[in-house]
Structures are given as C-alpha cells and as structure tokens.
Amino acid sequence: MHKRRLWESFRDAGRGVWRCLQTERNMRVHLGAAIIVIAAGALCGVSPAEWACLLLAVGLVTAAEAMNTAVERLCDFVKAEQDPKIGVIKDIAAGAVLLSALFAAAVGAVVFFPAVARGVGALQRMI
C-alpha cells in the first residue's frame, strides 16, 4: 500500500474544497457571506477575541456545507433513485448546515450589534 505524503493529503483536500466551490451554489453563498463578515470586521475594528469568534463561525459553516455535500454525494452514489430513507439522511445533513448558519448569524449579531449601535448613535449626534 502506498503511504501518502503530507502534501498529497493537503493537495487532495484543496481539490475537494475547490470542487465544492465549483459545484455547490450554497458554498459560494457561504463564501460570499464570509467575505462580507471579514470586511465588516475590518471596518468595525473588532477585537482579537471577536475575530476568533467570527472566523470560527465562518469555518464551522463552510465545513458543515462541505460535509453536507459529501453526504449528499455519497447518498446519491449508494442509491441513485428516490428513497425516503435517503431523503431523511440528506435532510438531517442539510439541517446541520442550517443550524451552524443560524448560530453563526447569532455570533455576528453579538459582535456587530454594538458597533452598529455606536455608529447610529454617532449619526444621531451629528444630526
């Protein structure tokens, strides 16, 4: 059996991420949201701890989406025709993405709400 080199594992993982971005609309949506979150964090001057929370949330959502894609592809490979049991498995995997996205949005709200409130207060004082 061929022992894989470390760089080969990283190459294959990178190819998987690239394939997911190429083929999955939702992964591109999550990537777009990640770019917006990173830009907002830079504009709002979030603290290092807030950066850690935001980046962890982004990482969890994108990882969940990649795992959901893998589960869906595996289910389709195992059974190409419609099957209610496979449908339940796919729904649960998609539910995991939804849960991670909802909690990531909550993290974003906790991090960005004070900055937005400060900005609104500053605008009100200017008017």
C-alpha atoms as a PDB file:
ATOM      1  CA  MET A   1       0.000   0.000   0.000  1.00  0.00           C
ATOM      2  CA  HIS A   2       1.294   3.433  -0.960  1.00  0.00           C
ATOM      3  CA  LYS A   3       1.988   5.671   2.024  1.00  0.00           C
ATOM      4  CA  ARG A   4       0.692   9.117   1.200  1.00  0.00           C
ATOM      5  CA  ARG A   5       2.861  12.139   1.727  1.00  0.00           C
ATOM      6  CA  LEU A   6       1.517  15.030   3.783  1.00  0.00           C
ATOM      7  CA  TRP A   7       1.494  17.388   0.818  1.00  0.00           C
ATOM      8  CA  GLU A   8      -0.619  14.896  -1.135  1.00  0.00           C
ATOM      9  CA  SER A   9      -3.252  14.975   1.588  1.00  0.00           C
ATOM     10  CA  PHE A  10      -3.321  18.776   1.513  1.00  0.00           C
ATOM     11  CA  ARG A  11      -3.494  18.745  -2.284  1.00  0.00           C
ATOM     12  CA  ASP A  12      -6.450  16.360  -2.253  1.00  0.00           C
ATOM     13  CA  ALA A  13      -8.232  18.354   0.444  1.00  0.00           C
ATOM     14  CA  GLY A  14      -7.701  21.552  -1.530  1.00  0.00           C
ATOM     15  CA  ARG A  15      -9.102  19.851  -4.618  1.00  0.00           C
ATOM     16  CA  GLY A  16     -12.167  18.900  -2.567  1.00  0.00           C
ATOM     17  CA  VAL A  17     -12.698  22.485  -1.424  1.00  0.00           C
ATOM     18  CA  TRP A  18     -12.268  23.735  -4.995  1.00  0.00           C
ATOM     19  CA  ARG A  19     -14.728  21.128  -6.328  1.00  0.00           C
ATOM     20  CA  CYS A  20     -17.246  22.131  -3.674  1.00  0.00           C
ATOM     21  CA  LEU A  21     -16.904  25.810  -4.640  1.00  0.00           C
ATOM     22  CA  GLN A  22     -17.263  24.947  -8.327  1.00  0.00           C
ATOM     23  CA  THR A  23     -20.340  22.771  -7.998  1.00  0.00           C
ATOM     24  CA  GLU A  24     -22.259  23.941  -4.930  1.00  0.00           C
ATOM     25  CA  ARG A  25     -24.179  27.218  -5.062  1.00  0.00           C
ATOM     26  CA  ASN A  26     -24.636  27.242  -1.297  1.00  0.00           C
ATOM     27  CA  MET A  27     -20.883  27.010  -0.734  1.00  0.00           C
ATOM     28  CA  ARG A  28     -20.427  30.077  -2.939  1.00  0.00           C
ATOM     29  CA  VAL A  29     -23.148  31.855  -0.928  1.00  0.00           C
ATOM     30  CA  HIS A  30     -21.342  30.979   2.310  1.00  0.00           C
ATOM     31  CA  LEU A  31     -18.047  32.187   0.830  1.00  0.00           C
ATOM     32  CA  GLY A  32     -19.688  35.484  -0.142  1.00  0.00           C
ATOM     33  CA  ALA A  33     -21.074  35.849   3.381  1.00  0.00           C
ATOM     34  CA  ALA A  34     -17.613  35.106   4.784  1.00  0.00           C
ATOM     35  CA  ILE A  35     -16.085  37.863   2.659  1.00  0.00           C
ATOM     36  CA  ILE A  36     -18.746  40.313   3.894  1.00  0.00           C
ATOM     37  CA  VAL A  37     -18.134  39.299   7.528  1.00  0.00           C
ATOM     38  CA  ILE A  38     -14.374  39.738   7.153  1.00  0.00           C
ATOM     39  CA  ALA A  39     -14.798  43.142   5.508  1.00  0.00           C
ATOM     40  CA  ALA A  40     -17.264  44.233   8.201  1.00  0.00           C
ATOM     41  CA  GLY A  41     -14.881  43.050  10.908  1.00  0.00           C
ATOM     42  CA  ALA A  42     -12.078  45.089   9.383  1.00  0.00           C
ATOM     43  CA  LEU A  43     -14.297  48.178   9.077  1.00  0.00           C
ATOM     44  CA  CYS A  44     -15.647  47.875  12.621  1.00  0.00           C
ATOM     45  CA  GLY A  45     -12.275  47.192  14.198  1.00  0.00           C
ATOM     46  CA  VAL A  46     -13.339  44.073  16.063  1.00  0.00           C
ATOM     47  CA  SER A  47     -11.142  42.790  18.888  1.00  0.00           C
ATOM     48  CA  PRO A  48      -8.919  39.713  18.554  1.00  0.00           C
ATOM     49  CA  ALA A  49     -11.417  37.666  20.588  1.00  0.00           C
ATOM     50  CA  GLU A  50     -14.239  38.824  18.306  1.00  0.00           C
ATOM     51  CA  TRP A  51     -12.136  37.895  15.259  1.00  0.00           C
ATOM     52  CA  ALA A  52     -11.643  34.438  16.731  1.00  0.00           C
ATOM     53  CA  CYS A  53     -15.408  34.014  17.185  1.00  0.00           C
ATOM     54  CA  LEU A  54     -16.215  35.295  13.693  1.00  0.00           C
ATOM     55  CA  LEU A  55     -13.592  33.131  11.990  1.00  0.00           C
ATOM     56  CA  LEU A  56     -14.623  30.059  13.966  1.00  0.00           C
ATOM     57  CA  ALA A  57     -18.252  30.628  12.953  1.00  0.00           C
ATOM     58  CA  VAL A  58     -17.279  31.053   9.283  1.00  0.00           C
ATOM     59  CA  GLY A  59     -15.133  27.928   9.431  1.00  0.00           C
ATOM     60  CA  LEU A  60     -17.885  25.851  11.011  1.00  0.00           C
ATOM     61  CA  VAL A  61     -20.483  26.892   8.446  1.00  0.00           C
ATOM     62  CA  THR A  62     -18.243  26.223   5.455  1.00  0.00           C
ATOM     63  CA  ALA A  63     -17.080  22.901   6.929  1.00  0.00           C
ATOM     64  CA  ALA A  64     -20.708  21.899   7.565  1.00  0.00           C
ATOM     65  CA  GLU A  65     -21.574  22.770   3.967  1.00  0.00           C
ATOM     66  CA  ALA A  66     -18.670  20.673   2.677  1.00  0.00           C
ATOM     67  CA  MET A  67     -19.732  17.721   4.847  1.00  0.00           C
ATOM     68  CA  ASN A  68     -23.328  18.120   3.660  1.00  0.00           C
ATOM     69  CA  THR A  69     -22.108  17.984   0.076  1.00  0.00           C
ATOM     70  CA  ALA A  70     -20.114  14.826   0.817  1.00  0.00           C
ATOM     71  CA  VAL A  71     -23.118  13.170   2.487  1.00  0.00           C
ATOM     72  CA  GLU A  72     -25.387  14.061  -0.440  1.00  0.00           C
ATOM     73  CA  ARG A  73     -22.890  12.729  -2.996  1.00  0.00           C
ATOM     74  CA  LEU A  74     -22.419   9.521  -1.031  1.00  0.00           C
ATOM     75  CA  CYS A  75     -26.182   9.040  -0.741  1.00  0.00           C
ATOM     76  CA  ASP A  76     -26.586   9.581  -4.484  1.00  0.00           C
ATOM     77  CA  PHE A  77     -23.795   7.085  -5.160  1.00  0.00           C
ATOM     78  CA  VAL A  78     -25.297   4.447  -2.880  1.00  0.00           C
ATOM     79  CA  LYS A  79     -28.817   4.820  -4.206  1.00  0.00           C
ATOM     80  CA  ALA A  80     -29.477   6.868  -7.341  1.00  0.00           C
ATOM     81  CA  GLU A  81     -33.268   6.505  -7.299  1.00  0.00           C
ATOM     82  CA  GLN A  82     -35.546   8.335  -4.843  1.00  0.00           C
ATOM     83  CA  ASP A  83     -35.695   6.739  -1.425  1.00  0.00           C
ATOM     84  CA  PRO A  84     -37.460   8.256   1.609  1.00  0.00           C
ATOM     85  CA  LYS A  85     -34.750   6.963   3.969  1.00  0.00           C
ATOM     86  CA  ILE A  86     -32.008   8.612   1.900  1.00  0.00           C
ATOM     87  CA  GLY A  87     -34.136  11.772   1.850  1.00  0.00           C
ATOM     88  CA  VAL A  88     -34.183  11.823   5.654  1.00  0.00           C
ATOM     89  CA  ILE A  89     -30.389  11.439   5.773  1.00  0.00           C
ATOM     90  CA  LYS A  90     -29.949  14.331   3.324  1.00  0.00           C
ATOM     91  CA  ASP A  91     -32.425  16.481   5.276  1.00  0.00           C
ATOM     92  CA  ILE A  92     -30.522  15.887   8.519  1.00  0.00           C
ATOM     93  CA  ALA A  93     -27.212  16.828   6.862  1.00  0.00           C
ATOM     94  CA  ALA A  94     -28.788  19.982   5.432  1.00  0.00           C
ATOM     95  CA  GLY A  95     -30.243  20.715   8.872  1.00  0.00           C
ATOM     96  CA  ALA A  96     -26.729  20.664  10.319  1.00  0.00           C
ATOM     97  CA  VAL A  97     -25.737  23.390   7.857  1.00  0.00           C
ATOM     98  CA  LEU A  98     -28.820  25.407   8.765  1.00  0.00           C
ATOM     99  CA  LEU A  99     -28.058  25.133  12.487  1.00  0.00           C
ATOM    100  CA  SER A 100     -24.447  26.185  12.004  1.00  0.00           C
ATOM    101  CA  ALA A 101     -25.514  29.134   9.837  1.00  0.00           C
ATOM    102  CA  LEU A 102     -28.127  30.285  12.379  1.00  0.00           C
ATOM    103  CA  PHE A 103     -25.628  30.172  15.226  1.00  0.00           C
ATOM    104  CA  ALA A 104     -23.021  31.922  13.071  1.00  0.00           C
ATOM    105  CA  ALA A 105     -25.563  34.673  12.414  1.00  0.00           C
ATOM    106  CA  ALA A 106     -26.101  34.940  16.171  1.00  0.00           C
ATOM    107  CA  VAL A 107     -22.337  35.309  16.666  1.00  0.00           C
ATOM    108  CA  GLY A 108     -22.321  38.031  14.013  1.00  0.00           C
ATOM    109  CA  ALA A 109     -25.172  39.830  15.746  1.00  0.00           C
ATOM    110  CA  VAL A 110     -23.404  39.735  19.103  1.00  0.00           C
ATOM    111  CA  VAL A 111     -20.165  41.017  17.567  1.00  0.00           C
ATOM    112  CA  PHE A 112     -21.574  43.628  15.199  1.00  0.00           C
ATOM    113  CA  PHE A 113     -24.617  44.968  17.066  1.00  0.00           C
ATOM    114  CA  PRO A 114     -22.568  47.166  19.446  1.00  0.00           C
ATOM    115  CA  ALA A 115     -20.580  48.620  16.517  1.00  0.00           C
ATOM    116  CA  VAL A 116     -23.758  49.345  14.567  1.00  0.00           C
ATOM    117  CA  ALA A 117     -25.374  50.904  17.648  1.00  0.00           C
ATOM    118  CA  ARG A 118     -22.315  53.136  18.160  1.00  0.00           C
ATOM    119  CA  GLY A 119     -22.482  54.206  14.510  1.00  0.00           C
ATOM    120  CA  VAL A 120     -26.180  55.033  14.711  1.00  0.00           C
ATOM    121  CA  GLY A 121     -25.591  56.993  17.926  1.00  0.00           C
ATOM    122  CA  ALA A 122     -22.803  58.972  16.281  1.00  0.00           C
ATOM    123  CA  LEU A 123     -25.051  59.758  13.308  1.00  0.00           C
ATOM    124  CA  GLN A 124     -27.841  60.920  15.622  1.00  0.00           C
ATOM    125  CA  ARG A 125     -25.447  63.243  17.458  1.00  0.00           C
ATOM    126  CA  MET A 126     -24.312  64.703  14.134  1.00  0.00           C
ATOM    127  CA  ILE A 127     -27.874  65.468  13.049  1.00  0.00           C
END
